[in-house]
C-alpha atoms as a PDB file:
ATOM      1  CA  MET A   1      -9.527  14.872  11.293  1.00  0.00           C
ATOM      2  CA  ASN A   2      -8.062  12.901   8.506  1.00  0.00           C
ATOM      3  CA  SER A   3      -7.910  14.657   5.081  1.00  0.00           C
ATOM      4  CA  LEU A   4      -8.963  12.687   2.039  1.00  0.00           C
ATOM      5  CA  LEU A   5      -8.614  13.410  -1.654  1.00  0.00           C
ATOM      6  CA  LEU A   6     -11.456  11.879  -3.782  1.00  0.00           C
ATOM      7  CA  VAL A   7     -10.906  11.683  -7.586  1.00  0.00           C
ATOM      8  CA  ASP A   8     -13.965  10.587  -9.627  1.00  0.00           C
ATOM      9  CA  SER A   9     -15.290  11.830 -12.978  1.00  0.00           C
ATOM     10  CA  ASP A  10     -18.781  10.754 -11.964  1.00  0.00           C
ATOM     11  CA  LYS A  11     -19.865  13.906 -10.135  1.00  0.00           C
ATOM     12  CA  GLU A  12     -23.024  12.277  -8.683  1.00  0.00           C
ATOM     13  CA  ALA A  13     -21.201   9.307  -7.298  1.00  0.00           C
ATOM     14  CA  SER A  14     -18.308  11.539  -5.991  1.00  0.00           C
ATOM     15  CA  ARG A  15     -20.778  13.754  -4.216  1.00  0.00           C
ATOM     16  CA  ALA A  16     -22.548  10.853  -2.519  1.00  0.00           C
ATOM     17  CA  TYR A  17     -19.205   9.266  -1.364  1.00  0.00           C
ATOM     18  CA  ALA A  18     -17.787  12.683  -0.233  1.00  0.00           C
ATOM     19  CA  THR A  19     -21.027  13.363   1.778  1.00  0.00           C
ATOM     20  CA  ALA A  20     -20.902   9.984   3.446  1.00  0.00           C
ATOM     21  CA  LEU A  21     -17.167  10.484   4.335  1.00  0.00           C
ATOM     22  CA  ARG A  22     -17.861  13.913   5.731  1.00  0.00           C
ATOM     23  CA  GLU A  23     -20.645  12.661   7.941  1.00  0.00           C
ATOM     24  CA  GLU A  24     -18.029  10.274   9.321  1.00  0.00           C
ATOM     25  CA  ARG A  25     -15.842  13.262  10.267  1.00  0.00           C
ATOM     26  CA  PHE A  26     -13.371  13.084   7.333  1.00  0.00           C
ATOM     27  CA  SER A  27     -12.265  16.171   5.472  1.00  0.00           C
ATOM     28  CA  CYS A  28     -12.884  15.370   1.778  1.00  0.00           C
ATOM     29  CA  THR A  29     -11.533  17.316  -1.260  1.00  0.00           C
ATOM     30  CA  GLU A  30     -13.231  16.422  -4.574  1.00  0.00           C
ATOM     31  CA  CYS A  31     -11.637  16.460  -7.985  1.00  0.00           C
ATOM     32  CA  ASN A  32     -13.146  15.162 -11.226  1.00  0.00           C
ATOM     33  CA  SER A  33     -10.086  14.979 -13.420  1.00  0.00           C
ATOM     34  CA  ALA A  34      -6.399  14.287 -13.316  1.00  0.00           C
ATOM     35  CA  ALA A  35      -5.745  17.888 -14.345  1.00  0.00           C
ATOM     36  CA  GLU A  36      -7.431  19.059 -11.055  1.00  0.00           C
ATOM     37  CA  VAL A  37      -5.191  16.865  -9.051  1.00  0.00           C
ATOM     38  CA  ALA A  38      -2.118  18.025 -10.898  1.00  0.00           C
ATOM     39  CA  ALA A  39      -2.817  21.557  -9.642  1.00  0.00           C
ATOM     40  CA  LEU A  40      -2.742  20.327  -5.941  1.00  0.00           C
ATOM     41  CA  GLU A  41       0.254  19.662  -3.592  1.00  0.00           C
ATOM     42  CA  LEU A  42      -0.113  16.020  -2.466  1.00  0.00           C
ATOM     43  CA  THR A  43       2.924  15.638  -0.098  1.00  0.00           C
ATOM     44  CA  GLY A  44       1.638  16.114   3.474  1.00  0.00           C
ATOM     45  CA  ALA A  45      -1.667  17.560   2.474  1.00  0.00           C
ATOM     46  CA  TYR A  46      -3.728  14.376   2.443  1.00  0.00           C
ATOM     47  CA  ASP A  47      -3.825  11.200   4.525  1.00  0.00           C
ATOM     48  CA  LEU A  48      -5.330   9.010   1.808  1.00  0.00           C
ATOM     49  CA  LEU A  49      -6.393   9.238  -1.763  1.00  0.00           C
ATOM     50  CA  ILE A  50      -9.445   7.567  -3.426  1.00  0.00           C
ATOM     51  CA  MET A  51      -9.361   7.426  -7.177  1.00  0.00           C
ATOM     52  CA  GLU A  52     -11.772   6.133  -9.955  1.00  0.00           C
ATOM     53  CA  MET A  53     -10.000   4.441 -12.840  1.00  0.00           C
ATOM     54  CA  ASN A  54     -12.211   5.950 -15.502  1.00  0.00           C
ATOM     55  CA  LEU A  55     -11.004   9.552 -15.782  1.00  0.00           C
ATOM     56  CA  PRO A  56     -11.882  11.921 -18.633  1.00  0.00           C
ATOM     57  CA  ASP A  57      -8.405  13.265 -19.323  1.00  0.00           C
ATOM     58  CA  MET A  58      -5.965  10.448 -18.431  1.00  0.00           C
ATOM     59  CA  ASN A  59      -5.729   6.624 -18.378  1.00  0.00           C
ATOM     60  CA  GLY A  60      -6.348   5.359 -14.884  1.00  0.00           C
ATOM     61  CA  PHE A  61      -3.232   3.224 -14.859  1.00  0.00           C
ATOM     62  CA  ASP A  62      -1.072   6.136 -16.051  1.00  0.00           C
ATOM     63  CA  PHE A  63      -2.679   8.372 -13.373  1.00  0.00           C
ATOM     64  CA  LEU A  64      -1.949   5.794 -10.706  1.00  0.00           C
ATOM     65  CA  ALA A  65       1.670   5.473 -11.939  1.00  0.00           C
ATOM     66  CA  SER A  66       2.014   9.202 -11.782  1.00  0.00           C
ATOM     67  CA  LEU A  67       0.631   9.436  -8.236  1.00  0.00           C
ATOM     68  CA  ARG A  68       2.877   6.716  -7.016  1.00  0.00           C
ATOM     69  CA  SER A  69       6.006   8.315  -8.590  1.00  0.00           C
ATOM     70  CA  GLN A  70       5.455  11.512  -6.568  1.00  0.00           C
ATOM     71  CA  SER A  71       3.955  10.321  -3.328  1.00  0.00           C
ATOM     72  CA  GLN A  72       3.592   7.279  -0.988  1.00  0.00           C
ATOM     73  CA  ILE A  73       0.177   8.430   0.089  1.00  0.00           C
ATOM     74  CA  PRO A  74      -2.202   5.406   0.596  1.00  0.00           C
ATOM     75  CA  ILE A  75      -4.313   4.917  -2.514  1.00  0.00           C
ATOM     76  CA  VAL A  76      -7.747   3.137  -2.872  1.00  0.00           C
ATOM     77  CA  VAL A  77      -8.753   2.469  -6.365  1.00  0.00           C
ATOM     78  CA  LEU A  78     -12.467   2.308  -7.417  1.00  0.00           C
ATOM     79  CA  SER A  79     -13.360   0.718 -10.764  1.00  0.00           C
ATOM     80  CA  SER A  80     -16.513  -0.300 -12.662  1.00  0.00           C
ATOM     81  CA  ARG A  81     -14.644  -3.176 -14.288  1.00  0.00           C
ATOM     82  CA  PRO A  82     -14.593  -6.450 -12.129  1.00  0.00           C
ATOM     83  CA  ASP A  83     -11.590  -7.727 -14.024  1.00  0.00           C
ATOM     84  CA  SER A  84      -9.087  -9.521 -11.908  1.00  0.00           C
ATOM     85  CA  ILE A  85      -6.237  -8.564 -14.285  1.00  0.00           C
ATOM     86  CA  ASP A  86      -6.964  -4.879 -13.721  1.00  0.00           C
ATOM     87  CA  LYS A  87      -6.923  -5.418  -9.981  1.00  0.00           C
ATOM     88  CA  ILE A  88      -3.631  -7.286 -10.082  1.00  0.00           C
ATOM     89  CA  VAL A  89      -2.058  -4.564 -12.227  1.00  0.00           C
ATOM     90  CA  ALA A  90      -3.321  -1.759  -9.978  1.00  0.00           C
ATOM     91  CA  LEU A  91      -1.895  -3.534  -6.888  1.00  0.00           C
ATOM     92  CA  GLU A  92       1.437  -4.196  -8.620  1.00  0.00           C
ATOM     93  CA  MET A  93       1.588  -0.456  -9.513  1.00  0.00           C
ATOM     94  CA  GLY A  94       1.203   0.423  -5.710  1.00  0.00           C
ATOM     95  CA  ALA A  95      -2.531   0.703  -5.030  1.00  0.00           C
ATOM     96  CA  ASP A  96      -3.220  -0.201  -1.397  1.00  0.00           C
ATOM     97  CA  ASP A  97      -6.692  -1.411  -2.097  1.00  0.00           C
ATOM     98  CA  TYR A  98      -8.983  -2.053  -5.186  1.00  0.00           C
ATOM     99  CA  LEU A  99     -12.772  -1.997  -4.836  1.00  0.00           C
ATOM    100  CA  CYS A 100     -15.257  -2.824  -7.633  1.00  0.00           C
ATOM    101  CA  LYS A 101     -18.322  -0.598  -8.139  1.00  0.00           C
ATOM    102  CA  PRO A 102     -21.013  -0.501  -7.168  1.00  0.00           C
ATOM    103  CA  ILE A 103     -19.718  -0.265  -3.571  1.00  0.00           C
ATOM    104  CA  LEU A 104     -21.595   0.496  -0.488  1.00  0.00           C
ATOM    105  CA  GLU A 105     -20.667   3.828   1.207  1.00  0.00           C
ATOM    106  CA  ARG A 106     -20.286   1.951   4.452  1.00  0.00           C
ATOM    107  CA  GLU A 107     -17.765  -0.513   2.935  1.00  0.00           C
ATOM    108  CA  LEU A 108     -15.748   2.328   1.376  1.00  0.00           C
ATOM    109  CA  ILE A 109     -15.649   4.047   4.854  1.00  0.00           C
ATOM    110  CA  ALA A 110     -14.635   0.834   6.507  1.00  0.00           C
ATOM    111  CA  ARG A 111     -11.797   0.244   4.029  1.00  0.00           C
ATOM    112  CA  VAL A 112     -10.570   3.850   4.363  1.00  0.00           C
ATOM    113  CA  ARG A 113     -10.522   3.493   8.141  1.00  0.00           C
ATOM    114  CA  SER A 114      -8.724   0.242   7.957  1.00  0.00           C
ATOM    115  CA  ILE A 115      -5.966   1.619   5.854  1.00  0.00           C
ATOM    116  CA  LEU A 116      -5.601   4.844   8.017  1.00  0.00           C
ATOM    117  CA  ARG A 117      -5.518   2.674  11.103  1.00  0.00           C
ATOM    118  CA  ARG A 118      -2.709   0.588   9.693  1.00  0.00           C
ATOM    119  CA  SER A 119      -0.890   3.729   8.709  1.00  0.00           C
ATOM    120  CA  ARG A 120      -1.090   5.238  12.220  1.00  0.00           C
ATOM    121  CA  THR A 121      -0.055   1.900  13.867  1.00  0.00           C
ATOM    122  CA  ASN A 122       2.956   1.502  11.587  1.00  0.00           C
ATOM    123  CA  TYR A 123       4.037   5.054  12.226  1.00  0.00           C
ATOM    124  CA  VAL A 124       3.788   4.733  16.075  1.00  0.00           C
ATOM    125  CA  GLY A 125       5.376   1.245  15.917  1.00  0.00           C
ATOM    126  CA  SER A 126       8.340   2.557  13.819  1.00  0.00           C
ATOM    127  CA  VAL A 127       8.975   5.459  16.151  1.00  0.00           C
ATOM    128  CA  SER A 128       8.786   3.445  19.230  1.00  0.00           C
ATOM    129  CA  ARG A 129      11.214   0.784  17.728  1.00  0.00           C
ATOM    130  CA  SER A 130      13.316   3.275  15.930  1.00  0.00           C
ATOM    131  CA  ARG A 131      16.388   1.482  14.496  1.00  0.00           C
ATOM    132  CA  THR A 132      18.276   0.682  11.306  1.00  0.00           C
ATOM    133  CA  TYR A 133      18.949  -2.621  10.042  1.00  0.00           C
ATOM    134  CA  MET A 134      21.239  -3.928   7.190  1.00  0.00           C
ATOM    135  CA  PHE A 135      20.633  -7.208   5.411  1.00  0.00           C
ATOM    136  CA  ASP A 136      23.000  -8.020   2.516  1.00  0.00           C
ATOM    137  CA  GLY A 137      22.906  -4.517   0.883  1.00  0.00           C
ATOM    138  CA  VAL A 138      19.330  -3.671   1.956  1.00  0.00           C
ATOM    139  CA  GLU A 139      19.048  -0.968   4.617  1.00  0.00           C
ATOM    140  CA  ILE A 140      15.750  -0.537   6.580  1.00  0.00           C
ATOM    141  CA  ASP A 141      15.301   2.684   8.501  1.00  0.00           C
ATOM    142  CA  THR A 142      12.234   2.104  10.716  1.00  0.00           C
ATOM    143  CA  SER A 143      12.069   5.680  11.981  1.00  0.00           C
ATOM    144  CA  ALA A 144      11.833   7.203   8.562  1.00  0.00           C
ATOM    145  CA  ARG A 145      10.113   4.052   7.141  1.00  0.00           C
ATOM    146  CA  LEU A 146      12.643   3.997   4.306  1.00  0.00           C
ATOM    147  CA  VAL A 147      14.149   0.987   2.604  1.00  0.00           C
ATOM    148  CA  ARG A 148      17.266   1.404   0.483  1.00  0.00           C
ATOM    149  CA  ARG A 149      19.281  -1.139  -1.596  1.00  0.00           C
ATOM    150  CA  ASN A 150      22.845  -0.087  -2.208  1.00  0.00           C
ATOM    151  CA  GLY A 151      22.009   3.369  -1.040  1.00  0.00           C
ATOM    152  CA  VAL A 152      19.032   3.829  -3.368  1.00  0.00           C
ATOM    153  CA  SER A 153      15.495   4.163  -2.037  1.00  0.00           C
ATOM    154  CA  LEU A 154      13.163   1.455  -3.195  1.00  0.00           C
ATOM    155  CA  GLY A 155      10.014   3.529  -2.818  1.00  0.00           C
ATOM    156  CA  LEU A 156       7.945   0.869  -1.151  1.00  0.00           C
ATOM    157  CA  THR A 157       4.227   1.413  -0.751  1.00  0.00           C
ATOM    158  CA  GLN A 158       2.690   1.457   2.611  1.00  0.00           C
ATOM    159  CA  VAL A 159       1.489  -2.275   2.256  1.00  0.00           C
ATOM    160  CA  GLU A 160       4.888  -3.383   0.942  1.00  0.00           C
ATOM    161  CA  TYR A 161       6.603  -1.832   3.823  1.00  0.00           C
ATOM    162  CA  ALA A 162       4.165  -3.291   6.348  1.00  0.00           C
ATOM    163  CA  ILE A 163       4.810  -6.861   4.882  1.00  0.00           C
ATOM    164  CA  LEU A 164       8.597  -6.399   4.973  1.00  0.00           C
ATOM    165  CA  GLU A 165       8.510  -5.192   8.486  1.00  0.00           C
ATOM    166  CA  MET A 166       6.414  -8.175   9.601  1.00  0.00           C
ATOM    167  CA  LEU A 167       8.941 -10.539   7.948  1.00  0.00           C
ATOM    168  CA  ILE A 168      11.951  -8.791   9.397  1.00  0.00           C
ATOM    169  CA  ASP A 169      10.320  -8.822  13.012  1.00  0.00           C
ATOM    170  CA  ALA A 170       9.753 -12.538  12.598  1.00  0.00           C
ATOM    171  CA  ALA A 171      13.607 -13.124  12.505  1.00  0.00           C
ATOM    172  CA  GLY A 172      13.587 -15.817   9.943  1.00  0.00           C
ATOM    173  CA  GLN A 173      10.356 -17.582  11.217  1.00  0.00           C
ATOM    174  CA  THR A 174       7.546 -18.136   8.720  1.00  0.00           C
ATOM    175  CA  VAL A 175       4.705 -15.504   8.855  1.00  0.00           C
ATOM    176  CA  PRO A 176       1.331 -17.054   7.935  1.00  0.00           C
ATOM    177  CA  ARG A 177      -0.584 -15.661   4.921  1.00  0.00           C
ATOM    178  CA  GLU A 178      -3.564 -15.195   7.093  1.00  0.00           C
ATOM    179  CA  LEU A 179      -1.692 -12.882   9.620  1.00  0.00           C
ATOM    180  CA  ILE A 180      -0.125 -10.940   6.660  1.00  0.00           C
ATOM    181  CA  SER A 181      -3.549 -10.353   5.228  1.00  0.00           C
ATOM    182  CA  LEU A 182      -4.927  -9.131   8.676  1.00  0.00           C
ATOM    183  CA  LYS A 183      -1.991  -6.974   9.572  1.00  0.00           C
ATOM    184  CA  ALA A 184      -0.748  -5.482   6.221  1.00  0.00           C
ATOM    185  CA  LEU A 185      -3.983  -5.608   4.222  1.00  0.00           C
ATOM    186  CA  GLY A 186      -6.437  -5.000   7.016  1.00  0.00           C
ATOM    187  CA  LYS A 187      -8.803  -7.874   6.072  1.00  0.00           C
ATOM    188  CA  GLU A 188      -9.261 -11.554   6.591  1.00  0.00           C
ATOM    189  CA  LEU A 189      -7.803 -13.886   3.902  1.00  0.00           C
ATOM    190  CA  ALA A 190     -10.487 -14.979   1.517  1.00  0.00           C
ATOM    191  CA  PRO A 191     -10.367 -18.188  -0.648  1.00  0.00           C
ATOM    192  CA  TYR A 192      -8.699 -17.534  -4.074  1.00  0.00           C
ATOM    193  CA  ASP A 193      -7.513 -13.976  -2.973  1.00  0.00           C
ATOM    194  CA  ARG A 194      -4.142 -13.441  -4.607  1.00  0.00           C
ATOM    195  CA  SER A 195      -3.595  -9.875  -3.330  1.00  0.00           C
ATOM    196  CA  ILE A 196      -0.788 -11.014  -0.975  1.00  0.00           C
ATOM    197  CA  ASP A 197       1.005 -12.899  -3.818  1.00  0.00           C
ATOM    198  CA  VAL A 198       0.823  -9.638  -5.854  1.00  0.00           C
ATOM    199  CA  HIS A 199       2.298  -7.533  -3.088  1.00  0.00           C
ATOM    200  CA  ILE A 200       5.068 -10.148  -2.329  1.00  0.00           C
ATOM    201  CA  SER A 201       5.909 -10.309  -6.060  1.00  0.00           C
ATOM    202  CA  LYS A 202       6.276  -6.571  -6.213  1.00  0.00           C
ATOM    203  CA  LEU A 203       8.370  -6.531  -2.981  1.00  0.00           C
ATOM    204  CA  ARG A 204      10.674  -9.196  -4.243  1.00  0.00           C
ATOM    205  CA  LYS A 205      11.359  -7.257  -7.418  1.00  0.00           C
ATOM    206  CA  LYS A 206      12.248  -4.171  -5.526  1.00  0.00           C
ATOM    207  CA  LEU A 207      14.453  -5.876  -3.020  1.00  0.00           C
ATOM    208  CA  GLY A 208      16.188  -8.187  -5.566  1.00  0.00           C
ATOM    209  CA  ASP A 209      17.835 -11.453  -4.728  1.00  0.00           C
ATOM    210  CA  VAL A 210      20.716 -12.060  -2.371  1.00  0.00           C
ATOM    211  CA  SER A 211      22.315 -14.178  -5.047  1.00  0.00           C
ATOM    212  CA  ASP A 212      21.304 -16.163  -8.111  1.00  0.00           C
ATOM    213  CA  ARG A 213      20.269 -18.969  -5.925  1.00  0.00           C
ATOM    214  CA  MET A 214      18.791 -17.243  -2.965  1.00  0.00           C
ATOM    215  CA  GLU A 215      15.657 -15.116  -2.677  1.00  0.00           C
ATOM    216  CA  ARG A 216      15.266 -12.697   0.168  1.00  0.00           C
ATOM    217  CA  ILE A 217      11.581 -13.654   0.719  1.00  0.00           C
ATOM    218  CA  VAL A 218      11.072 -17.403   0.658  1.00  0.00           C
ATOM    219  CA  THR A 219       7.639 -19.079   0.162  1.00  0.00           C
ATOM    220  CA  VAL A 220       6.597 -21.831   2.432  1.00  0.00           C
ATOM    221  CA  ARG A 221       3.967 -23.376   0.233  1.00  0.00           C
ATOM    222  CA  GLY A 222       0.413 -23.412   1.758  1.00  0.00           C
ATOM    223  CA  ILE A 223       1.565 -21.582   4.850  1.00  0.00           C
ATOM    224  CA  GLY A 224       3.260 -18.231   4.315  1.00  0.00           C
ATOM    225  CA  TYR A 225       6.633 -16.534   3.946  1.00  0.00           C
ATOM    226  CA  PHE A 226       9.930 -15.852   5.698  1.00  0.00           C
ATOM    227  CA  TYR A 227      12.756 -13.415   5.245  1.00  0.00           C
ATOM    228  CA  SER A 228      16.071 -15.245   4.486  1.00  0.00           C
ATOM    229  CA  MET A 229      18.754 -13.481   6.607  1.00  0.00           C
ATOM    230  CA  PRO A 230      22.148 -15.149   6.070  1.00  0.00           C
ATOM    231  CA  SER A 231      24.212 -12.269   7.218  1.00  0.00           C
ATOM    232  CA  GLU A 232      22.159 -10.051   9.545  1.00  0.00           C
ATOM    233  CA  GLU A 233      23.871  -6.949  10.815  1.00  0.00           C
ATOM    234  CA  LYS A 234      22.065  -4.624  13.148  1.00  0.00           C
ATOM    235  CA  LYS A 235      23.541  -1.163  12.632  1.00  0.00           C
ATOM    236  CA  ALA A 236      21.925   0.823  15.362  1.00  0.00           C
ATOM    237  CA  GLU A 237      19.418   0.548  18.227  1.00  0.00           C
END
């Protein structure tokens, strides 16, 4: 049974979401403030966190940043503000999904299952293909799902790691945006959806450039992306 942490100041909405999730055989812990979450041990205790941006004791973006600084747990953000800028900022800060209220309980459950399914698939895949790669100062440890640059962990989110793994596996070939959306985000690519661009931008910043004239992740306009690997070195099988 997957264990979820639900953080929402609206107790009535929280109760409704939690009830629906429990009916689908999820274990769900409810919190109504950032302070309640601070008293919990997140590492290893929960498989996914659902958070409302409007909290009584802390700005939602500050709360998201705090969560991401201490854990790589998948995070689904709920918000009553259908502002595309808020969505972009939340995704850039490490949220795995962003849903605007009101949201149907069935859709929330479907999104949660999709993220958890990707998480399990990524874990099994990384174990079965356990190896370490080195690309121009970037080290990718697939068994631990860790990415380091010059020995320093980059703290990639689940989505960022999934995208990077797809690009590396493609060995320099272009990966279509539609495939990235399906495999890394768990949804079909919709018109005008810029979620992939946000995640790619964040990933690029963390990875850094190979040089002043060469990006690691190259855009093929209108098609997708590929990882530029000028000096690939496979360290271990």
